[in-house]
Amino acid sequence: MLNLLLIGAGQLGSRHLQALALSDFADLSIQVVDPSPQALQLAQERWGQVVKSQHIKSIDFLKNFTEVKRDIDFCIIATNANCRLQVLKALLSHARVGQLVLEKVLFQSIAQLEEASRLLLSVETKAWVNCPRRMFPIYLALRARLVDEQKFNLQVSGSNWGLACNAIHFIDLWAMLGGEQSYVLDTSGLDNTVVESKRFGYKEVSGTLRGSSGERYFSLTSFAGIDAVPLSILIETERFIINVNETMGECTLLTKETGAQEVLPFSVLYQSQLSHRVGSQLFVGGTNSCELTPFSESASLHAPFLQGMLEFFNKQDGCAHTLCPIT
């Protein structure tokens, strides 16, 4: 019997739970922890909406850590960023955790990243960060195609797609496809107007965020106040021009030298279709590994992003905050 723990049962956490319901890689006991009765109710409702694997032997919905088992094989932390370090510390002081998946944005400062890194190194917990595009077959196929490309440019654009909270998804995709783990961030293209996020207590931005490492670049643009511009993903290398339309589920790959064009259909995978696959990858086959971003790599990608965004917010506010107000 494997013990699974989900911390955070809100909108995203409840989707993780729906995926865990499909787990068939071992007999499982699941615990769900959230101090919010409303979040627990949502999780219970969504749990009731899905067909469950016969390998799910028990599930408990809890308001605090006191009843959490001391030996956890697989844990997902799906809280907001502002409390994630506190939750991580409470978890690892309470239980042995074998495999851990953290939501992103991971934390709100480089200092928090470093503290979490030290904490995870001090225990025998392998940690991963949930940037799920790494699990999409279309991006795994593109990575194989682009492995020898020296120049790599990723451009993402669309209207009102939440640049601050979603940028790390595409920085991670750029890193995955281009084989990078470090970059220089440029926030000069961001709009000066900072707005309140749809999540209370957090900020959101529009404009263009750029990054570079040698001949590899990314450009992420969110148009403010313009409706109906769908998200588009453009990749250009020395040999290829690739357009990915996730809304339509279509990837077009043009070979520059010959003009040959391929159209690759694909399906976007939702969180409710993924978390059990992570568990299966971690516990079947003896590799103790999965397709998600290893914590150390994701921390390297988070650091310049958090620092650059924190400096941007402080400049706009005329303050010296130490925590970046995004999740």
C-alpha atoms as a PDB file:
ATOM      1  CA  MET A   1       0.000   0.000   0.000  1.00  0.00           C
ATOM      2  CA  LEU A   2       1.344   3.418  -1.002  1.00  0.00           C
ATOM      3  CA  ASN A   3       0.371   6.516   0.969  1.00  0.00           C
ATOM      4  CA  LEU A   4      -0.510   9.544  -1.185  1.00  0.00           C
ATOM      5  CA  LEU A   5      -0.975  13.043   0.222  1.00  0.00           C
ATOM      6  CA  LEU A   6      -2.487  16.095  -1.493  1.00  0.00           C
ATOM      7  CA  ILE A   7      -2.012  19.430   0.271  1.00  0.00           C
ATOM      8  CA  GLY A   8      -4.277  22.127  -1.134  1.00  0.00           C
ATOM      9  CA  ALA A   9      -7.737  21.127  -2.353  1.00  0.00           C
ATOM     10  CA  GLY A  10      -8.823  24.229  -4.257  1.00  0.00           C
ATOM     11  CA  GLN A  11      -9.342  24.716  -7.978  1.00  0.00           C
ATOM     12  CA  LEU A  12      -6.041  23.146  -9.045  1.00  0.00           C
ATOM     13  CA  GLY A  13      -5.659  20.712  -6.157  1.00  0.00           C
ATOM     14  CA  SER A  14      -9.073  19.203  -6.842  1.00  0.00           C
ATOM     15  CA  ARG A  15      -7.982  18.531 -10.449  1.00  0.00           C
ATOM     16  CA  HIS A  16      -4.887  16.748  -9.169  1.00  0.00           C
ATOM     17  CA  LEU A  17      -7.242  14.663  -7.034  1.00  0.00           C
ATOM     18  CA  GLN A  18      -9.401  13.728 -10.020  1.00  0.00           C
ATOM     19  CA  ALA A  19      -6.298  12.423 -11.773  1.00  0.00           C
ATOM     20  CA  LEU A  20      -5.145  10.514  -8.695  1.00  0.00           C
ATOM     21  CA  ALA A  21      -8.490   8.730  -8.739  1.00  0.00           C
ATOM     22  CA  LEU A  22      -7.287   6.985 -11.910  1.00  0.00           C
ATOM     23  CA  SER A  23      -4.121   5.615 -10.283  1.00  0.00           C
ATOM     24  CA  ASP A  24      -3.634   1.930 -10.974  1.00  0.00           C
ATOM     25  CA  PHE A  25       0.094   1.486 -10.338  1.00  0.00           C
ATOM     26  CA  ALA A  26      -0.372   0.162  -6.774  1.00  0.00           C
ATOM     27  CA  ASP A  27      -2.919  -0.107  -3.979  1.00  0.00           C
ATOM     28  CA  LEU A  28      -3.282   3.416  -2.613  1.00  0.00           C
ATOM     29  CA  SER A  29      -4.411   5.301   0.453  1.00  0.00           C
ATOM     30  CA  ILE A  30      -5.099   9.003  -0.218  1.00  0.00           C
ATOM     31  CA  GLN A  31      -5.242  11.875   2.252  1.00  0.00           C
ATOM     32  CA  VAL A  32      -6.325  15.394   1.260  1.00  0.00           C
ATOM     33  CA  VAL A  33      -5.456  18.326   3.544  1.00  0.00           C
ATOM     34  CA  ASP A  34      -6.774  21.879   3.357  1.00  0.00           C
ATOM     35  CA  PRO A  35      -7.774  24.248   6.201  1.00  0.00           C
ATOM     36  CA  SER A  36     -10.602  25.647   4.055  1.00  0.00           C
ATOM     37  CA  PRO A  37     -13.953  23.815   4.396  1.00  0.00           C
ATOM     38  CA  GLN A  38     -14.969  25.275   1.030  1.00  0.00           C
ATOM     39  CA  ALA A  39     -11.876  23.840  -0.667  1.00  0.00           C
ATOM     40  CA  LEU A  40     -12.446  20.426   0.906  1.00  0.00           C
ATOM     41  CA  GLN A  41     -16.061  20.494  -0.213  1.00  0.00           C
ATOM     42  CA  LEU A  42     -14.983  21.318  -3.779  1.00  0.00           C
ATOM     43  CA  ALA A  43     -12.474  18.459  -3.722  1.00  0.00           C
ATOM     44  CA  GLN A  44     -15.116  16.040  -2.447  1.00  0.00           C
ATOM     45  CA  GLU A  45     -17.532  17.156  -5.170  1.00  0.00           C
ATOM     46  CA  ARG A  46     -14.953  16.703  -7.909  1.00  0.00           C
ATOM     47  CA  TRP A  47     -13.865  13.376  -6.443  1.00  0.00           C
ATOM     48  CA  GLY A  48     -17.471  12.257  -6.786  1.00  0.00           C
ATOM     49  CA  GLN A  49     -17.556  13.257 -10.459  1.00  0.00           C
ATOM     50  CA  VAL A  50     -14.950  10.767 -11.662  1.00  0.00           C
ATOM     51  CA  VAL A  51     -14.630   7.018 -11.983  1.00  0.00           C
ATOM     52  CA  LYS A  52     -12.178   5.630  -9.448  1.00  0.00           C
ATOM     53  CA  SER A  53      -9.548   2.934  -9.887  1.00  0.00           C
ATOM     54  CA  GLN A  54     -10.133  -0.228  -7.877  1.00  0.00           C
ATOM     55  CA  HIS A  55      -6.662   0.337  -6.419  1.00  0.00           C
ATOM     56  CA  ILE A  56      -7.923   3.291  -4.326  1.00  0.00           C
ATOM     57  CA  LYS A  57      -8.451   1.626  -0.953  1.00  0.00           C
ATOM     58  CA  SER A  58      -9.243   4.709   1.155  1.00  0.00           C
ATOM     59  CA  ILE A  59      -9.524   8.496   1.016  1.00  0.00           C
ATOM     60  CA  ASP A  60      -9.697  11.005   3.877  1.00  0.00           C
ATOM     61  CA  PHE A  61     -10.365  14.744   3.756  1.00  0.00           C
ATOM     62  CA  LEU A  62      -8.576  16.564   6.596  1.00  0.00           C
ATOM     63  CA  LYS A  63      -8.355  20.144   7.869  1.00  0.00           C
ATOM     64  CA  ASN A  64      -4.856  19.940   9.384  1.00  0.00           C
ATOM     65  CA  PHE A  65      -1.657  17.917   9.549  1.00  0.00           C
ATOM     66  CA  THR A  66      -2.323  16.174  12.847  1.00  0.00           C
ATOM     67  CA  GLU A  67      -3.900  13.125  11.214  1.00  0.00           C
ATOM     68  CA  VAL A  68      -1.500  12.899   8.284  1.00  0.00           C
ATOM     69  CA  LYS A  69       0.466   9.664   8.179  1.00  0.00           C
ATOM     70  CA  ARG A  70       4.133   9.824   9.119  1.00  0.00           C
ATOM     71  CA  ASP A  71       5.266   7.897   6.059  1.00  0.00           C
ATOM     72  CA  ILE A  72       4.221   9.438   2.719  1.00  0.00           C
ATOM     73  CA  ASP A  73       5.291   7.856  -0.552  1.00  0.00           C
ATOM     74  CA  PHE A  74       3.985  10.551  -2.906  1.00  0.00           C
ATOM     75  CA  CYS A  75       2.879  14.092  -2.052  1.00  0.00           C
ATOM     76  CA  ILE A  76       1.568  16.974  -4.156  1.00  0.00           C
ATOM     77  CA  ILE A  77       1.634  20.504  -2.703  1.00  0.00           C
ATOM     78  CA  ALA A  78      -0.945  22.560  -4.599  1.00  0.00           C
ATOM     79  CA  THR A  79      -1.175  25.630  -2.366  1.00  0.00           C
ATOM     80  CA  ASN A  80      -0.619  29.260  -3.334  1.00  0.00           C
ATOM     81  CA  ALA A  81       2.984  30.440  -3.429  1.00  0.00           C
ATOM     82  CA  ASN A  82       2.718  32.708  -0.371  1.00  0.00           C
ATOM     83  CA  CYS A  83       2.390  29.783   2.050  1.00  0.00           C
ATOM     84  CA  ARG A  84       4.204  27.028   0.125  1.00  0.00           C
ATOM     85  CA  LEU A  85       7.508  27.243   2.017  1.00  0.00           C
ATOM     86  CA  GLN A  86       5.683  27.178   5.365  1.00  0.00           C
ATOM     87  CA  VAL A  87       3.696  24.141   4.209  1.00  0.00           C
ATOM     88  CA  LEU A  88       6.832  22.401   2.950  1.00  0.00           C
ATOM     89  CA  LYS A  89       8.584  22.913   6.273  1.00  0.00           C
ATOM     90  CA  ALA A  90       5.573  21.680   8.237  1.00  0.00           C
ATOM     91  CA  LEU A  91       5.268  18.620   6.010  1.00  0.00           C
ATOM     92  CA  LEU A  92       8.908  17.569   6.197  1.00  0.00           C
ATOM     93  CA  SER A  93       9.025  18.090   9.959  1.00  0.00           C
ATOM     94  CA  HIS A  94       5.994  15.820  10.319  1.00  0.00           C
ATOM     95  CA  ALA A  95       6.539  13.039   7.793  1.00  0.00           C
ATOM     96  CA  ARG A  96       9.039  11.156   5.701  1.00  0.00           C
ATOM     97  CA  VAL A  97       8.208  11.973   2.089  1.00  0.00           C
ATOM     98  CA  GLY A  98       9.590   9.855  -0.736  1.00  0.00           C
ATOM     99  CA  GLN A  99       8.491  11.749  -3.848  1.00  0.00           C
ATOM    100  CA  LEU A 100       7.195  15.315  -3.887  1.00  0.00           C
ATOM    101  CA  VAL A 101       5.571  17.450  -6.594  1.00  0.00           C
ATOM    102  CA  LEU A 102       5.334  21.208  -6.009  1.00  0.00           C
ATOM    103  CA  GLU A 103       3.104  23.636  -7.868  1.00  0.00           C
ATOM    104  CA  LYS A 104       4.496  26.826  -9.289  1.00  0.00           C
ATOM    105  CA  VAL A 105       5.343  29.675  -9.125  1.00  0.00           C
ATOM    106  CA  LEU A 106       7.459  27.776  -6.600  1.00  0.00           C
ATOM    107  CA  PHE A 107       8.091  30.524  -4.051  1.00  0.00           C
ATOM    108  CA  GLN A 108       8.201  34.317  -3.912  1.00  0.00           C
ATOM    109  CA  SER A 109      11.900  35.068  -3.477  1.00  0.00           C
ATOM    110  CA  ILE A 110      15.363  33.674  -4.135  1.00  0.00           C
ATOM    111  CA  ALA A 111      15.853  33.415  -0.366  1.00  0.00           C
ATOM    112  CA  GLN A 112      12.836  31.099  -0.139  1.00  0.00           C
ATOM    113  CA  LEU A 113      14.126  29.053  -3.085  1.00  0.00           C
ATOM    114  CA  GLU A 114      17.456  28.627  -1.348  1.00  0.00           C
ATOM    115  CA  GLU A 115      15.882  27.708   1.990  1.00  0.00           C
ATOM    116  CA  ALA A 116      13.693  25.086   0.316  1.00  0.00           C
ATOM    117  CA  SER A 117      16.696  23.730  -1.599  1.00  0.00           C
ATOM    118  CA  ARG A 118      18.665  23.294   1.631  1.00  0.00           C
ATOM    119  CA  LEU A 119      15.686  21.660   3.317  1.00  0.00           C
ATOM    120  CA  LEU A 120      15.129  19.159   0.517  1.00  0.00           C
ATOM    121  CA  LEU A 121      18.830  18.299   0.424  1.00  0.00           C
ATOM    122  CA  SER A 122      18.757  17.566   4.151  1.00  0.00           C
ATOM    123  CA  VAL A 123      16.104  14.861   3.725  1.00  0.00           C
ATOM    124  CA  GLU A 124      15.764  11.954   1.331  1.00  0.00           C
ATOM    125  CA  THR A 125      12.941  13.543  -0.651  1.00  0.00           C
ATOM    126  CA  LYS A 126      13.068  13.759  -4.432  1.00  0.00           C
ATOM    127  CA  ALA A 127      11.189  16.852  -5.599  1.00  0.00           C
ATOM    128  CA  TRP A 128       9.699  17.846  -8.939  1.00  0.00           C
ATOM    129  CA  VAL A 129       7.913  20.964 -10.158  1.00  0.00           C
ATOM    130  CA  ASN A 130       4.624  20.734 -11.997  1.00  0.00           C
ATOM    131  CA  CYS A 131       5.297  22.330 -15.372  1.00  0.00           C
ATOM    132  CA  PRO A 132       3.090  19.821 -17.206  1.00  0.00           C
ATOM    133  CA  ARG A 133       3.918  20.728 -20.810  1.00  0.00           C
ATOM    134  CA  ARG A 134       7.001  18.556 -20.338  1.00  0.00           C
ATOM    135  CA  MET A 135       4.578  15.616 -20.345  1.00  0.00           C
ATOM    136  CA  PHE A 136       2.748  16.557 -23.553  1.00  0.00           C
ATOM    137  CA  PRO A 137       3.666  14.122 -26.354  1.00  0.00           C
ATOM    138  CA  ILE A 138       3.830  16.985 -28.877  1.00  0.00           C
ATOM    139  CA  TYR A 139       6.581  18.781 -26.932  1.00  0.00           C
ATOM    140  CA  LEU A 140       8.470  15.544 -26.290  1.00  0.00           C
ATOM    141  CA  ALA A 141       8.399  14.956 -30.065  1.00  0.00           C
ATOM    142  CA  LEU A 142       9.578  18.514 -30.765  1.00  0.00           C
ATOM    143  CA  ARG A 143      12.424  18.171 -28.269  1.00  0.00           C
ATOM    144  CA  ALA A 144      13.652  15.107 -30.158  1.00  0.00           C
ATOM    145  CA  ARG A 145      13.484  17.046 -33.453  1.00  0.00           C
ATOM    146  CA  LEU A 146      15.315  20.077 -32.101  1.00  0.00           C
ATOM    147  CA  VAL A 147      18.087  18.361 -30.146  1.00  0.00           C
ATOM    148  CA  ASP A 148      20.849  19.480 -32.565  1.00  0.00           C
ATOM    149  CA  GLU A 149      19.646  23.052 -33.124  1.00  0.00           C
ATOM    150  CA  GLN A 150      22.065  25.754 -31.991  1.00  0.00           C
ATOM    151  CA  LYS A 151      19.787  28.759 -32.425  1.00  0.00           C
ATOM    152  CA  PHE A 152      16.456  28.668 -30.658  1.00  0.00           C
ATOM    153  CA  ASN A 153      13.799  31.354 -30.365  1.00  0.00           C
ATOM    154  CA  LEU A 154      10.464  30.872 -28.574  1.00  0.00           C
ATOM    155  CA  GLN A 155       7.748  33.506 -28.933  1.00  0.00           C
ATOM    156  CA  VAL A 156       4.451  33.301 -27.056  1.00  0.00           C
ATOM    157  CA  SER A 157       1.726  35.900 -27.492  1.00  0.00           C
ATOM    158  CA  GLY A 158      -1.960  36.383 -26.816  1.00  0.00           C
ATOM    159  CA  SER A 159      -4.363  38.634 -24.966  1.00  0.00           C
ATOM    160  CA  ASN A 160      -4.900  38.686 -21.206  1.00  0.00           C
ATOM    161  CA  TRP A 161      -3.272  35.350 -20.408  1.00  0.00           C
ATOM    162  CA  GLY A 162      -1.746  36.246 -17.041  1.00  0.00           C
ATOM    163  CA  LEU A 163       1.899  36.907 -17.828  1.00  0.00           C
ATOM    164  CA  ALA A 164       3.201  37.044 -14.258  1.00  0.00           C
ATOM    165  CA  CYS A 165       1.603  33.816 -13.043  1.00  0.00           C
ATOM    166  CA  ASN A 166       2.046  31.841 -16.290  1.00  0.00           C
ATOM    167  CA  ALA A 167       5.432  32.985 -17.618  1.00  0.00           C
ATOM    168  CA  ILE A 168       7.319  30.247 -15.771  1.00  0.00           C
ATOM    169  CA  HIS A 169       5.349  27.649 -17.776  1.00  0.00           C
ATOM    170  CA  PHE A 170       6.837  28.951 -21.008  1.00  0.00           C
ATOM    171  CA  ILE A 171      10.290  29.667 -19.587  1.00  0.00           C
ATOM    172  CA  ASP A 172      10.275  26.007 -18.571  1.00  0.00           C
ATOM    173  CA  LEU A 173       9.140  24.970 -22.056  1.00  0.00           C
ATOM    174  CA  TRP A 174      11.938  27.066 -23.592  1.00  0.00           C
ATOM    175  CA  ALA A 175      14.413  25.386 -21.250  1.00  0.00           C
ATOM    176  CA  MET A 176      13.084  21.911 -22.059  1.00  0.00           C
ATOM    177  CA  LEU A 177      13.125  22.343 -25.840  1.00  0.00           C
ATOM    178  CA  GLY A 178      16.346  24.334 -25.992  1.00  0.00           C
ATOM    179  CA  GLY A 179      18.309  22.485 -23.329  1.00  0.00           C
ATOM    180  CA  GLU A 180      18.917  25.569 -21.171  1.00  0.00           C
ATOM    181  CA  GLN A 181      18.958  26.043 -17.400  1.00  0.00           C
ATOM    182  CA  SER A 182      20.012  29.699 -17.104  1.00  0.00           C
ATOM    183  CA  TYR A 183      19.182  32.989 -18.802  1.00  0.00           C
ATOM    184  CA  VAL A 184      19.191  36.773 -18.434  1.00  0.00           C
ATOM    185  CA  LEU A 185      15.737  38.304 -17.946  1.00  0.00           C
ATOM    186  CA  ASP A 186      14.663  41.614 -19.505  1.00  0.00           C
ATOM    187  CA  THR A 187      11.557  43.292 -18.035  1.00  0.00           C
ATOM    188  CA  SER A 188      11.901  46.561 -19.996  1.00  0.00           C
ATOM    189  CA  GLY A 189       9.072  45.567 -22.346  1.00  0.00           C
ATOM    190  CA  LEU A 190       6.482  45.199 -19.579  1.00  0.00           C
ATOM    191  CA  ASP A 191       3.649  47.731 -19.380  1.00  0.00           C
ATOM    192  CA  ASN A 192       3.906  50.142 -16.476  1.00  0.00           C
ATOM    193  CA  THR A 193       0.404  49.349 -15.260  1.00  0.00           C
ATOM    194  CA  VAL A 194       0.288  46.690 -12.551  1.00  0.00           C
ATOM    195  CA  VAL A 195      -3.150  45.201 -11.888  1.00  0.00           C
ATOM    196  CA  GLU A 196      -4.666  42.988  -9.228  1.00  0.00           C
ATOM    197  CA  SER A 197      -4.627  39.306 -10.036  1.00  0.00           C
ATOM    198  CA  LYS A 198      -7.832  37.270 -10.068  1.00  0.00           C
ATOM    199  CA  ARG A 199      -6.296  35.612  -7.014  1.00  0.00           C
ATOM    200  CA  PHE A 200      -6.617  37.936  -4.006  1.00  0.00           C
ATOM    201  CA  GLY A 201      -3.374  39.491  -2.793  1.00  0.00           C
ATOM    202  CA  TYR A 202      -1.380  38.884  -5.977  1.00  0.00           C
ATOM    203  CA  LYS A 203      -0.350  41.101  -8.897  1.00  0.00           C
ATOM    204  CA  GLU A 204      -0.510  40.691 -12.652  1.00  0.00           C
ATOM    205  CA  VAL A 205       1.256  42.405 -15.554  1.00  0.00           C
ATOM    206  CA  SER A 206       1.022  42.768 -19.323  1.00  0.00           C
ATOM    207  CA  GLY A 207       3.487  43.631 -22.061  1.00  0.00           C
ATOM    208  CA  THR A 208       6.535  41.632 -23.101  1.00  0.00           C
ATOM    209  CA  LEU A 209       8.983  39.648 -20.995  1.00  0.00           C
ATOM    210  CA  ARG A 210      12.214  38.608 -22.702  1.00  0.00           C
ATOM    211  CA  GLY A 211      15.068  36.293 -21.841  1.00  0.00           C
ATOM    212  CA  SER A 212      18.254  35.118 -23.487  1.00  0.00           C
ATOM    213  CA  SER A 213      21.148  32.715 -23.193  1.00  0.00           C
ATOM    214  CA  GLY A 214      23.651  32.921 -26.028  1.00  0.00           C
ATOM    215  CA  GLU A 215      21.763  32.322 -29.272  1.00  0.00           C
ATOM    216  CA  ARG A 216      18.655  31.119 -27.494  1.00  0.00           C
ATOM    217  CA  TYR A 217      15.867  33.589 -26.762  1.00  0.00           C
ATOM    218  CA  PHE A 218      12.312  33.757 -25.521  1.00  0.00           C
ATOM    219  CA  SER A 219       9.709  36.493 -25.806  1.00  0.00           C
ATOM    220  CA  LEU A 220       6.428  36.283 -23.872  1.00  0.00           C
ATOM    221  CA  THR A 221       3.720  38.846 -24.659  1.00  0.00           C
ATOM    222  CA  SER A 222       0.332  39.393 -23.069  1.00  0.00           C
ATOM    223  CA  PHE A 223      -1.757  42.112 -24.723  1.00  0.00           C
ATOM    224  CA  ALA A 224      -3.826  44.090 -22.212  1.00  0.00           C
ATOM    225  CA  GLY A 225      -7.277  45.358 -23.068  1.00  0.00           C
ATOM    226  CA  ILE A 226      -7.428  43.466 -26.364  1.00  0.00           C
ATOM    227  CA  ASP A 227      -9.874  40.605 -26.530  1.00  0.00           C
ATOM    228  CA  ALA A 228      -9.931  37.529 -28.733  1.00  0.00           C
ATOM    229  CA  VAL A 229      -6.223  37.267 -29.544  1.00  0.00           C
ATOM    230  CA  PRO A 230      -5.664  33.538 -29.005  1.00  0.00           C
ATOM    231  CA  LEU A 231      -2.464  32.274 -27.475  1.00  0.00           C
ATOM    232  CA  SER A 232       0.101  31.403 -30.139  1.00  0.00           C
ATOM    233  CA  ILE A 233       3.455  29.678 -29.775  1.00  0.00           C
ATOM    234  CA  LEU A 234       6.128  30.237 -32.426  1.00  0.00           C
ATOM    235  CA  ILE A 235       9.461  28.422 -32.405  1.00  0.00           C
ATOM    236  CA  GLU A 236      12.242  29.243 -34.842  1.00  0.00           C
ATOM    237  CA  THR A 237      15.620  27.560 -35.184  1.00  0.00           C
ATOM    238  CA  GLU A 238      18.210  27.551 -37.972  1.00  0.00           C
ATOM    239  CA  ARG A 239      16.323  24.726 -39.702  1.00  0.00           C
ATOM    240  CA  PHE A 240      12.688  24.972 -38.639  1.00  0.00           C
ATOM    241  CA  ILE A 241       9.742  27.313 -38.147  1.00  0.00           C
ATOM    242  CA  ILE A 242       7.158  25.743 -35.853  1.00  0.00           C
ATOM    243  CA  ASN A 243       3.713  27.058 -34.978  1.00  0.00           C
ATOM    244  CA  VAL A 244       1.882  25.442 -32.075  1.00  0.00           C
ATOM    245  CA  ASN A 245      -1.811  26.167 -31.616  1.00  0.00           C
ATOM    246  CA  GLU A 246      -2.824  24.550 -28.341  1.00  0.00           C
ATOM    247  CA  THR A 247      -6.433  25.724 -28.706  1.00  0.00           C
ATOM    248  CA  MET A 248      -6.822  23.911 -32.033  1.00  0.00           C
ATOM    249  CA  GLY A 249      -4.507  21.046 -31.117  1.00  0.00           C
ATOM    250  CA  GLU A 250      -2.371  21.574 -34.178  1.00  0.00           C
ATOM    251  CA  CYS A 251       1.390  21.918 -34.665  1.00  0.00           C
ATOM    252  CA  THR A 252       2.790  23.021 -38.031  1.00  0.00           C
ATOM    253  CA  LEU A 253       6.474  22.332 -38.701  1.00  0.00           C
ATOM    254  CA  LEU A 254       8.149  23.975 -41.704  1.00  0.00           C
ATOM    255  CA  THR A 255      11.607  22.852 -42.844  1.00  0.00           C
ATOM    256  CA  LYS A 256      13.343  25.986 -44.165  1.00  0.00           C
ATOM    257  CA  GLU A 257      15.712  24.243 -46.578  1.00  0.00           C
ATOM    258  CA  THR A 258      13.084  22.297 -48.502  1.00  0.00           C
ATOM    259  CA  GLY A 259       9.882  24.185 -47.759  1.00  0.00           C
ATOM    260  CA  ALA A 260       8.319  20.908 -46.655  1.00  0.00           C
ATOM    261  CA  GLN A 261       5.540  21.332 -44.115  1.00  0.00           C
ATOM    262  CA  GLU A 262       4.172  18.837 -41.622  1.00  0.00           C
ATOM    263  CA  VAL A 263       0.956  19.198 -39.676  1.00  0.00           C
ATOM    264  CA  LEU A 264       0.984  17.317 -36.385  1.00  0.00           C
ATOM    265  CA  PRO A 265      -2.346  17.048 -34.541  1.00  0.00           C
ATOM    266  CA  PHE A 266      -2.238  16.684 -30.763  1.00  0.00           C
ATOM    267  CA  SER A 267      -4.357  16.944 -27.644  1.00  0.00           C
ATOM    268  CA  VAL A 268      -3.731  19.282 -24.741  1.00  0.00           C
ATOM    269  CA  LEU A 269      -3.588  17.305 -21.498  1.00  0.00           C
ATOM    270  CA  TYR A 270      -5.361  18.756 -18.472  1.00  0.00           C
ATOM    271  CA  GLN A 271      -4.222  18.343 -14.881  1.00  0.00           C
ATOM    272  CA  SER A 272      -7.028  15.857 -14.264  1.00  0.00           C
ATOM    273  CA  GLN A 273      -5.347  13.664 -16.906  1.00  0.00           C
ATOM    274  CA  LEU A 274      -1.784  13.891 -15.638  1.00  0.00           C
ATOM    275  CA  SER A 275      -1.085  13.454 -11.908  1.00  0.00           C
ATOM    276  CA  HIS A 276      -1.642   9.697 -11.890  1.00  0.00           C
ATOM    277  CA  ARG A 277       0.792   9.406 -14.810  1.00  0.00           C
ATOM    278  CA  VAL A 278       3.418  11.161 -12.707  1.00  0.00           C
ATOM    279  CA  GLY A 279       2.813   8.645  -9.942  1.00  0.00           C
ATOM    280  CA  SER A 280       3.085   5.749 -12.370  1.00  0.00           C
ATOM    281  CA  GLN A 281       6.370   7.073 -13.780  1.00  0.00           C
ATOM    282  CA  LEU A 282       7.779   7.458 -10.274  1.00  0.00           C
ATOM    283  CA  PHE A 283       6.754   4.062  -8.911  1.00  0.00           C
ATOM    284  CA  VAL A 284       6.758   1.714 -11.901  1.00  0.00           C
ATOM    285  CA  GLY A 285      10.004   0.477 -13.417  1.00  0.00           C
ATOM    286  CA  GLY A 286      12.293   1.359 -10.546  1.00  0.00           C
ATOM    287  CA  THR A 287      13.641   4.622 -12.025  1.00  0.00           C
ATOM    288  CA  ASN A 288      12.194   6.907  -9.301  1.00  0.00           C
ATOM    289  CA  SER A 289      11.989   9.552 -12.001  1.00  0.00           C
ATOM    290  CA  CYS A 290       9.350  11.347 -14.062  1.00  0.00           C
ATOM    291  CA  GLU A 291       9.010  13.784 -16.971  1.00  0.00           C
ATOM    292  CA  LEU A 292       8.362  16.845 -14.781  1.00  0.00           C
ATOM    293  CA  THR A 293      11.095  19.399 -14.074  1.00  0.00           C
ATOM    294  CA  PRO A 294      13.524  18.369 -11.312  1.00  0.00           C
ATOM    295  CA  PHE A 295      13.424  20.819  -8.406  1.00  0.00           C
ATOM    296  CA  SER A 296      17.037  21.991  -8.786  1.00  0.00           C
ATOM    297  CA  GLU A 297      16.534  22.781 -12.476  1.00  0.00           C
ATOM    298  CA  SER A 298      13.261  24.595 -11.849  1.00  0.00           C
ATOM    299  CA  ALA A 299      14.852  26.607  -9.029  1.00  0.00           C
ATOM    300  CA  SER A 300      17.513  27.772 -11.507  1.00  0.00           C
ATOM    301  CA  LEU A 301      14.770  28.870 -13.910  1.00  0.00           C
ATOM    302  CA  HIS A 302      12.724  30.544 -11.166  1.00  0.00           C
ATOM    303  CA  ALA A 303      15.580  32.590  -9.693  1.00  0.00           C
ATOM    304  CA  PRO A 304      16.139  35.205 -12.463  1.00  0.00           C
ATOM    305  CA  PHE A 305      12.393  35.397 -13.061  1.00  0.00           C
ATOM    306  CA  LEU A 306      11.542  36.087  -9.410  1.00  0.00           C
ATOM    307  CA  GLN A 307      14.385  38.564  -9.004  1.00  0.00           C
ATOM    308  CA  GLY A 308      13.530  40.451 -12.197  1.00  0.00           C
ATOM    309  CA  MET A 309       9.825  40.603 -11.435  1.00  0.00           C
ATOM    310  CA  LEU A 310      10.431  41.670  -7.836  1.00  0.00           C
ATOM    311  CA  GLU A 311      12.620  44.543  -9.033  1.00  0.00           C
ATOM    312  CA  PHE A 312       9.922  45.516 -11.550  1.00  0.00           C
ATOM    313  CA  PHE A 313       7.149  45.545  -8.936  1.00  0.00           C
ATOM    314  CA  ASN A 314       9.316  47.511  -6.488  1.00  0.00           C
ATOM    315  CA  LYS A 315      10.079  50.093  -9.159  1.00  0.00           C
ATOM    316  CA  GLN A 316       6.371  50.503  -9.935  1.00  0.00           C
ATOM    317  CA  ASP A 317       5.402  50.741  -6.251  1.00  0.00           C
ATOM    318  CA  GLY A 318       8.380  52.821  -5.165  1.00  0.00           C
ATOM    319  CA  CYS A 319       8.888  50.295  -2.351  1.00  0.00           C
ATOM    320  CA  ALA A 320      11.395  47.652  -1.357  1.00  0.00           C
ATOM    321  CA  HIS A 321       9.317  44.506  -0.971  1.00  0.00           C
ATOM    322  CA  THR A 322      11.240  41.268  -0.388  1.00  0.00           C
ATOM    323  CA  LEU A 323       8.538  38.925  -1.713  1.00  0.00           C
ATOM    324  CA  CYS A 324       7.348  38.831  -5.324  1.00  0.00           C
ATOM    325  CA  PRO A 325       3.507  39.068  -5.280  1.00  0.00           C
ATOM    326  CA  ILE A 326       2.739  36.328  -7.802  1.00  0.00           C
ATOM    327  CA  THR A 327       1.474  32.762  -7.582  1.00  0.00           C
END
